[in-house]
PDB file of N, CA and C in Angstrom:
ATOM      1  N   MET A   1      23.445  73.107 260.968  1.00  0.00           N
ATOM      2  CA  MET A   1      22.327  73.612 260.221  1.00  0.00           C
ATOM      3  C   MET A   1      21.806  72.567 259.240  1.00  0.00           C
ATOM      4  N   ALA A   2      22.727  71.893 258.559  1.00  0.00           N
ATOM      5  CA  ALA A   2      22.318  70.900 257.567  1.00  0.00           C
ATOM      6  C   ALA A   2      21.504  69.775 258.214  1.00  0.00           C
ATOM      7  N   ALA A   3      21.832  69.449 259.469  1.00  0.00           N
ATOM      8  CA  ALA A   3      21.101  68.396 260.172  1.00  0.00           C
ATOM      9  C   ALA A   3      19.630  68.756 260.351  1.00  0.00           C
ATOM     10  N   HIS A   4      19.332  70.044 260.309  1.00  0.00           N
ATOM     11  CA  HIS A   4      17.957  70.517 260.468  1.00  0.00           C
ATOM     12  C   HIS A   4      17.337  70.945 259.142  1.00  0.00           C
ATOM     13  N   GLY A   5      18.030  70.601 258.042  1.00  0.00           N
ATOM     14  CA  GLY A   5      17.488  70.913 256.724  1.00  0.00           C
ATOM     15  C   GLY A   5      17.652  72.362 256.308  1.00  0.00           C
ATOM     16  N   LEU A   6      18.577  73.082 256.959  1.00  0.00           N
ATOM     17  CA  LEU A   6      18.810  74.490 256.641  1.00  0.00           C
ATOM     18  C   LEU A   6      20.122  74.652 255.885  1.00  0.00           C
ATOM     19  N   LEU A   7      20.135  75.562 254.940  1.00  0.00           N
ATOM     20  CA  LEU A   7      21.349  75.859 254.200  1.00  0.00           C
ATOM     21  C   LEU A   7      21.702  77.331 254.387  1.00  0.00           C
ATOM     22  N   PRO A   8      22.970  77.636 254.737  1.00  0.00           N
ATOM     23  CA  PRO A   8      23.350  79.039 254.874  1.00  0.00           C
ATOM     24  C   PRO A   8      23.357  79.717 253.510  1.00  0.00           C
ATOM     25  N   SER A   9      22.885  80.944 253.451  1.00  0.00           N
ATOM     26  CA  SER A   9      22.856  81.662 252.185  1.00  0.00           C
ATOM     27  C   SER A   9      22.884  83.152 252.441  1.00  0.00           C
ATOM     28  N   MET A  10      23.593  83.883 251.570  1.00  0.00           N
ATOM     29  CA  MET A  10      23.606  85.336 251.650  1.00  0.00           C
ATOM     30  C   MET A  10      22.807  85.944 250.506  1.00  0.00           C
ATOM     31  N   SER A  11      22.312  85.111 249.623  1.00  0.00           N
ATOM     32  CA  SER A  11      21.530  85.620 248.492  1.00  0.00           C
ATOM     33  C   SER A  11      20.700  84.485 247.908  1.00  0.00           C
ATOM     34  N   ARG A  12      19.881  84.834 246.936  1.00  0.00           N
ATOM     35  CA  ARG A  12      19.106  83.802 246.247  1.00  0.00           C
ATOM     36  C   ARG A  12      20.050  82.936 245.425  1.00  0.00           C
ATOM     37  N   HIS A  13      19.697  81.706 245.256  1.00  0.00           N
ATOM     38  CA  HIS A  13      20.509  80.767 244.497  1.00  0.00           C
ATOM     39  C   HIS A  13      20.740  81.275 243.070  1.00  0.00           C
ATOM     40  N   GLY A  14      22.002  81.353 242.674  1.00  0.00           N
ATOM     41  CA  GLY A  14      22.346  81.715 241.305  1.00  0.00           C
ATOM     42  C   GLY A  14      22.275  83.195 240.991  1.00  0.00           C
ATOM     43  N   ASP A  15      22.105  84.043 241.993  1.00  0.00           N
ATOM     44  CA  ASP A  15      22.009  85.481 241.741  1.00  0.00           C
ATOM     45  C   ASP A  15      23.111  86.215 242.501  1.00  0.00           C
ATOM     46  N   CYS A  16      24.265  86.374 241.849  1.00  0.00           N
ATOM     47  CA  CYS A  16      25.408  87.002 242.505  1.00  0.00           C
ATOM     48  C   CYS A  16      25.183  88.484 242.773  1.00  0.00           C
ATOM     49  N   TYR A  17      24.187  89.090 242.118  1.00  0.00           N
ATOM     50  CA  TYR A  17      23.927  90.515 242.319  1.00  0.00           C
ATOM     51  C   TYR A  17      22.956  90.772 243.469  1.00  0.00           C
ATOM     52  N   ASP A  18      22.406  89.716 244.039  1.00  0.00           N
ATOM     53  CA  ASP A  18      21.434  89.851 245.114  1.00  0.00           C
ATOM     54  C   ASP A  18      22.075  90.441 246.369  1.00  0.00           C
ATOM     55  N   ASN A  19      23.313  90.097 246.626  1.00  0.00           N
ATOM     56  CA  ASN A  19      24.018  90.629 247.790  1.00  0.00           C
ATOM     57  C   ASN A  19      25.400  91.092 247.361  1.00  0.00           C
ATOM     58  N   ARG A  20      25.437  92.199 246.670  1.00  0.00           N
ATOM     59  CA  ARG A  20      26.682  92.711 246.086  1.00  0.00           C
ATOM     60  C   ARG A  20      27.741  93.006 247.125  1.00  0.00           C
ATOM     61  N   CYS A  21      27.344  93.523 248.269  1.00  0.00           N
ATOM     62  CA  CYS A  21      28.331  93.876 249.297  1.00  0.00           C
ATOM     63  C   CYS A  21      29.093  92.641 249.774  1.00  0.00           C
ATOM     64  N   ALA A  22      28.372  91.574 250.068  1.00  0.00           N
ATOM     65  CA  ALA A  22      29.025  90.346 250.520  1.00  0.00           C
ATOM     66  C   ALA A  22      29.886  89.760 249.414  1.00  0.00           C
ATOM     67  N   GLU A  23      29.374  89.745 248.187  1.00  0.00           N
ATOM     68  CA  GLU A  23      30.140  89.216 247.055  1.00  0.00           C
ATOM     69  C   GLU A  23      31.417  90.024 246.853  1.00  0.00           C
ATOM     70  N   SER A  24      31.316  91.339 246.927  1.00  0.00           N
ATOM     71  CA  SER A  24      32.471  92.212 246.747  1.00  0.00           C
ATOM     72  C   SER A  24      33.498  91.990 247.850  1.00  0.00           C
ATOM     73  N   PHE A  25      33.027  91.897 249.095  1.00  0.00           N
ATOM     74  CA  PHE A  25      33.940  91.681 250.213  1.00  0.00           C
ATOM     75  C   PHE A  25      34.700  90.371 250.057  1.00  0.00           C
ATOM     76  N   PHE A  26      33.986  89.279 249.780  1.00  0.00           N
ATOM     77  CA  PHE A  26      34.652  87.984 249.674  1.00  0.00           C
ATOM     78  C   PHE A  26      35.596  87.935 248.481  1.00  0.00           C
ATOM     79  N   SER A  27      35.267  88.615 247.401  1.00  0.00           N
ATOM     80  CA  SER A  27      36.170  88.701 246.255  1.00  0.00           C
ATOM     81  C   SER A  27      37.457  89.417 246.651  1.00  0.00           C
ATOM     82  N   THR A  28      37.317  90.534 247.357  1.00  0.00           N
ATOM     83  CA  THR A  28      38.483  91.290 247.814  1.00  0.00           C
ATOM     84  C   THR A  28      39.316  90.461 248.775  1.00  0.00           C
ATOM     85  N   LEU A  29      38.674  89.814 249.727  1.00  0.00           N
ATOM     86  CA  LEU A  29      39.379  88.971 250.694  1.00  0.00           C
ATOM     87  C   LEU A  29      40.181  87.886 249.984  1.00  0.00           C
ATOM     88  N   LYS A  30      39.555  87.221 249.039  1.00  0.00           N
ATOM     89  CA  LYS A  30      40.241  86.153 248.312  1.00  0.00           C
ATOM     90  C   LYS A  30      41.406  86.687 247.497  1.00  0.00           C
ATOM     91  N   ASN A  31      41.197  87.800 246.794  1.00  0.00           N
ATOM     92  CA  ASN A  31      42.250  88.343 245.938  1.00  0.00           C
ATOM     93  C   ASN A  31      43.406  88.949 246.715  1.00  0.00           C
ATOM     94  N   GLU A  32      43.122  89.593 247.833  1.00  0.00           N
ATOM     95  CA  GLU A  32      44.170  90.280 248.579  1.00  0.00           C
ATOM     96  C   GLU A  32      44.827  89.421 249.648  1.00  0.00           C
ATOM     97  N   LEU A  33      44.186  88.348 250.076  1.00  0.00           N
ATOM     98  CA  LEU A  33      44.757  87.550 251.162  1.00  0.00           C
ATOM     99  C   LEU A  33      44.849  86.061 250.852  1.00  0.00           C
ATOM    100  N   ILE A  34      43.769  85.474 250.422  1.00  0.00           N
ATOM    101  CA  ILE A  34      43.684  84.016 250.344  1.00  0.00           C
ATOM    102  C   ILE A  34      44.476  83.417 249.186  1.00  0.00           C
ATOM    103  N   HIS A  35      44.275  83.939 247.973  1.00  0.00           N
ATOM    104  CA  HIS A  35      44.939  83.369 246.802  1.00  0.00           C
ATOM    105  C   HIS A  35      46.453  83.418 246.974  1.00  0.00           C
ATOM    106  N   GLY A  36      47.095  82.293 246.726  1.00  0.00           N
ATOM    107  CA  GLY A  36      48.546  82.210 246.844  1.00  0.00           C
ATOM    108  C   GLY A  36      49.027  81.866 248.241  1.00  0.00           C
ATOM    109  N   GLN A  37      48.111  81.748 249.188  1.00  0.00           N
ATOM    110  CA  GLN A  37      48.471  81.394 250.559  1.00  0.00           C
ATOM    111  C   GLN A  37      48.249  79.905 250.780  1.00  0.00           C
ATOM    112  N   ALA A  38      49.081  79.339 251.599  1.00  0.00           N
ATOM    113  CA  ALA A  38      48.888  77.957 252.036  1.00  0.00           C
ATOM    114  C   ALA A  38      48.895  77.974 253.558  1.00  0.00           C
ATOM    115  N   PHE A  39      47.725  77.932 254.158  1.00  0.00           N
ATOM    116  CA  PHE A  39      47.626  77.961 255.611  1.00  0.00           C
ATOM    117  C   PHE A  39      47.833  76.551 256.143  1.00  0.00           C
ATOM    118  N   ILE A  40      48.672  76.436 257.153  1.00  0.00           N
ATOM    119  CA  ILE A  40      48.998  75.130 257.727  1.00  0.00           C
ATOM    120  C   ILE A  40      47.804  74.545 258.484  1.00  0.00           C
ATOM    121  N   THR A  41      47.102  75.404 259.218  1.00  0.00           N
ATOM    122  CA  THR A  41      45.959  74.952 260.014  1.00  0.00           C
ATOM    123  C   THR A  41      44.774  75.894 259.811  1.00  0.00           C
ATOM    124  N   ARG A  42      43.601  75.442 260.227  1.00  0.00           N
ATOM    125  CA  ARG A  42      42.421  76.319 260.190  1.00  0.00           C
ATOM    126  C   ARG A  42      42.624  77.518 261.104  1.00  0.00           C
ATOM    127  N   ASP A  43      43.267  77.278 262.242  1.00  0.00           N
ATOM    128  CA  ASP A  43      43.510  78.365 263.181  1.00  0.00           C
ATOM    129  C   ASP A  43      44.412  79.428 262.556  1.00  0.00           C
ATOM    130  N   ALA A  44      45.424  79.019 261.814  1.00  0.00           N
ATOM    131  CA  ALA A  44      46.309  79.977 261.138  1.00  0.00           C
ATOM    132  C   ALA A  44      45.524  80.786 260.112  1.00  0.00           C
ATOM    133  N   ALA A  45      44.626  80.138 259.391  1.00  0.00           N
ATOM    134  CA  ALA A  45      43.784  80.840 258.418  1.00  0.00           C
ATOM    135  C   ALA A  45      42.862  81.818 259.133  1.00  0.00           C
ATOM    136  N   ARG A  46      42.258  81.381 260.227  1.00  0.00           N
ATOM    137  CA  ARG A  46      41.347  82.236 260.994  1.00  0.00           C
ATOM    138  C   ARG A  46      42.071  83.480 261.513  1.00  0.00           C
ATOM    139  N   VAL A  47      43.265  83.303 262.061  1.00  0.00           N
ATOM    140  CA  VAL A  47      44.045  84.430 262.581  1.00  0.00           C
ATOM    141  C   VAL A  47      44.393  85.398 261.455  1.00  0.00           C
ATOM    142  N   ALA A  48      44.813  84.879 260.313  1.00  0.00           N
ATOM    143  CA  ALA A  48      45.170  85.736 259.174  1.00  0.00           C
ATOM    144  C   ALA A  48      43.958  86.514 258.670  1.00  0.00           C
ATOM    145  N   ILE A  49      42.811  85.867 258.599  1.00  0.00           N
ATOM    146  CA  ILE A  49      41.599  86.531 258.100  1.00  0.00           C
ATOM    147  C   ILE A  49      41.126  87.615 259.069  1.00  0.00           C
ATOM    148  N   VAL A  50      41.095  87.309 260.359  1.00  0.00           N
ATOM    149  CA  VAL A  50      40.683  88.312 261.349  1.00  0.00           C
ATOM    150  C   VAL A  50      41.657  89.482 261.345  1.00  0.00           C
ATOM    151  N   SER A  51      42.941  89.196 261.253  1.00  0.00           N
ATOM    152  CA  SER A  51      43.964  90.251 261.189  1.00  0.00           C
ATOM    153  C   SER A  51      43.764  91.134 259.971  1.00  0.00           C
ATOM    154  N   TYR A  52      43.482  90.517 258.841  1.00  0.00           N
ATOM    155  CA  TYR A  52      43.256  91.264 257.601  1.00  0.00           C
ATOM    156  C   TYR A  52      42.035  92.171 257.745  1.00  0.00           C
ATOM    157  N   ILE A  53      40.946  91.621 258.259  1.00  0.00           N
ATOM    158  CA  ILE A  53      39.710  92.400 258.365  1.00  0.00           C
ATOM    159  C   ILE A  53      39.860  93.532 259.383  1.00  0.00           C
ATOM    160  N   GLU A  54      40.302  93.203 260.586  1.00  0.00           N
ATOM    161  CA  GLU A  54      40.367  94.200 261.660  1.00  0.00           C
ATOM    162  C   GLU A  54      41.573  95.131 261.541  1.00  0.00           C
ATOM    163  N   GLY A  55      42.688  94.622 261.048  1.00  0.00           N
ATOM    164  CA  GLY A  55      43.899  95.433 260.986  1.00  0.00           C
ATOM    165  C   GLY A  55      44.080  96.207 259.704  1.00  0.00           C
ATOM    166  N   PHE A  56      43.522  95.715 258.599  1.00  0.00           N
ATOM    167  CA  PHE A  56      43.733  96.385 257.315  1.00  0.00           C
ATOM    168  C   PHE A  56      42.424  96.808 256.655  1.00  0.00           C
ATOM    169  N   TYR A  57      41.541  95.866 256.389  1.00  0.00           N
ATOM    170  CA  TYR A  57      40.333  96.139 255.601  1.00  0.00           C
ATOM    171  C   TYR A  57      39.478  97.239 256.227  1.00  0.00           C
ATOM    172  N   ASN A  58      39.240  97.184 257.518  1.00  0.00           N
ATOM    173  CA  ASN A  58      38.376  98.171 258.177  1.00  0.00           C
ATOM    174  C   ASN A  58      39.101  99.450 258.572  1.00  0.00           C
ATOM    175  N   ARG A  59      40.419  99.392 258.764  1.00  0.00           N
ATOM    176  CA  ARG A  59      41.127 100.540 259.326  1.00  0.00           C
ATOM    177  C   ARG A  59      42.035 101.277 258.347  1.00  0.00           C
ATOM    178  N   LYS A  60      42.525 100.599 257.309  1.00  0.00           N
ATOM    179  CA  LYS A  60      43.498 101.235 256.420  1.00  0.00           C
ATOM    180  C   LYS A  60      43.107 101.232 254.951  1.00  0.00           C
ATOM    181  N   ARG A  61      42.361 100.218 254.515  1.00  0.00           N
ATOM    182  CA  ARG A  61      42.037 100.086 253.094  1.00  0.00           C
ATOM    183  C   ARG A  61      40.981 101.107 252.697  1.00  0.00           C
ATOM    184  N   LEU A  62      41.276 101.878 251.638  1.00  0.00           N
ATOM    185  CA  LEU A  62      40.330 102.866 251.137  1.00  0.00           C
ATOM    186  C   LEU A  62      39.273 102.167 250.292  1.00  0.00           C
ATOM    187  N   HIS A  63      38.005 102.566 250.471  1.00  0.00           N
ATOM    188  CA  HIS A  63      36.892 101.934 249.777  1.00  0.00           C
ATOM    189  C   HIS A  63      36.249 102.930 248.820  1.00  0.00           C
ATOM    190  N   GLN A  64      36.146 102.539 247.575  1.00  0.00           N
ATOM    191  CA  GLN A  64      35.567 103.405 246.550  1.00  0.00           C
ATOM    192  C   GLN A  64      34.153 103.841 246.917  1.00  0.00           C
ATOM    193  N   THR A  65      33.343 102.905 247.374  1.00  0.00           N
ATOM    194  CA  THR A  65      31.942 103.219 247.681  1.00  0.00           C
ATOM    195  C   THR A  65      31.794 104.148 248.884  1.00  0.00           C
ATOM    196  N   LEU A  66      32.861 104.339 249.639  1.00  0.00           N
ATOM    197  CA  LEU A  66      32.837 105.247 250.790  1.00  0.00           C
ATOM    198  C   LEU A  66      33.576 106.545 250.482  1.00  0.00           C
ATOM    199  N   GLY A  67      33.722 106.851 249.198  1.00  0.00           N
ATOM    200  CA  GLY A  67      34.414 108.074 248.812  1.00  0.00           C
ATOM    201  C   GLY A  67      35.906 108.003 249.096  1.00  0.00           C
ATOM    202  N   TYR A  68      36.472 106.826 248.926  1.00  0.00           N
ATOM    203  CA  TYR A  68      37.894 106.569 249.167  1.00  0.00           C
ATOM    204  C   TYR A  68      38.298 106.913 250.598  1.00  0.00           C
ATOM    205  N   ARG A  69      37.423 106.503 251.522  1.00  0.00           N
ATOM    206  CA  ARG A  69      37.711 106.587 252.949  1.00  0.00           C
ATOM    207  C   ARG A  69      37.717 105.171 253.497  1.00  0.00           C
ATOM    208  N   THR A  70      38.257 105.003 254.681  1.00  0.00           N
ATOM    209  CA  THR A  70      38.204 103.693 255.326  1.00  0.00           C
ATOM    210  C   THR A  70      36.839 103.533 255.989  1.00  0.00           C
ATOM    211  N   PRO A  71      36.391 102.298 256.222  1.00  0.00           N
ATOM    212  CA  PRO A  71      35.126 102.101 256.930  1.00  0.00           C
ATOM    213  C   PRO A  71      35.133 102.749 258.317  1.00  0.00           C
ATOM    214  N   THR A  72      36.268 102.711 258.994  1.00  0.00           N
ATOM    215  CA  THR A  72      36.360 103.313 260.318  1.00  0.00           C
ATOM    216  C   THR A  72      36.121 104.815 260.255  1.00  0.00           C
ATOM    217  N   VAL A  73      36.759 105.493 259.298  1.00  0.00           N
ATOM    218  CA  VAL A  73      36.585 106.939 259.140  1.00  0.00           C
ATOM    219  C   VAL A  73      35.143 107.256 258.746  1.00  0.00           C
ATOM    220  N   ALA A  74      34.593 106.515 257.796  1.00  0.00           N
ATOM    221  CA  ALA A  74      33.213 106.749 257.356  1.00  0.00           C
ATOM    222  C   ALA A  74      32.235 106.561 258.514  1.00  0.00           C
ATOM    223  N   ASP A  75      32.444 105.538 259.325  1.00  0.00           N
ATOM    224  CA  ASP A  75      31.580 105.284 260.474  1.00  0.00           C
ATOM    225  C   ASP A  75      31.699 106.408 261.500  1.00  0.00           C
ATOM    226  N   ASP A  76      32.927 106.830 261.791  1.00  0.00           N
ATOM    227  CA  ASP A  76      33.137 107.931 262.739  1.00  0.00           C
ATOM    228  C   ASP A  76      32.438 109.200 262.262  1.00  0.00           C
ATOM    229  N   GLU A  77      32.563 109.504 260.972  1.00  0.00           N
ATOM    230  CA  GLU A  77      31.929 110.701 260.416  1.00  0.00           C
ATOM    231  C   GLU A  77      30.403 110.602 260.486  1.00  0.00           C
ATOM    232  N   ALA A  78      29.868 109.426 260.230  1.00  0.00           N
ATOM    233  CA  ALA A  78      28.416 109.230 260.293  1.00  0.00           C
ATOM    234  C   ALA A  78      27.906 109.391 261.728  1.00  0.00           C
ATOM    235  N   MET A  79      28.668 108.924 262.691  1.00  0.00           N
ATOM    236  CA  MET A  79      28.257 109.033 264.093  1.00  0.00           C
ATOM    237  C   MET A  79      28.266 110.487 264.564  1.00  0.00           C
ATOM    238  N   ARG A  80      29.158 111.303 264.008  1.00  0.00           N
ATOM    239  CA  ARG A  80      29.234 112.721 264.392  1.00  0.00           C
ATOM    240  C   ARG A  80      28.155 113.557 263.715  1.00  0.00           C
ATOM    241  N   ALA A  81      27.608 113.061 262.607  1.00  0.00           N
ATOM    242  CA  ALA A  81      26.616 113.844 261.841  1.00  0.00           C
ATOM    243  C   ALA A  81      25.261 113.862 262.512  1.00  0.00           C
TER     244      ALA A  81
END
């Protein structure tokens, strides 16, 4: 992307409130998984992150904004409504 003069961004420069969901997710990911870890390889980090997201964050972790339900449960309930 940089070779074409493009920069990846999830929000406006300097505005952490512009994309609260992404900011909140990455904060949670860093606090619950990344901090204190020393990954030997990028592949080890990738496997740990995917495992965290698919195995815990989406399926077991309760989310305040979803009424203390998991994203999987909230999605299932929305699909049935």
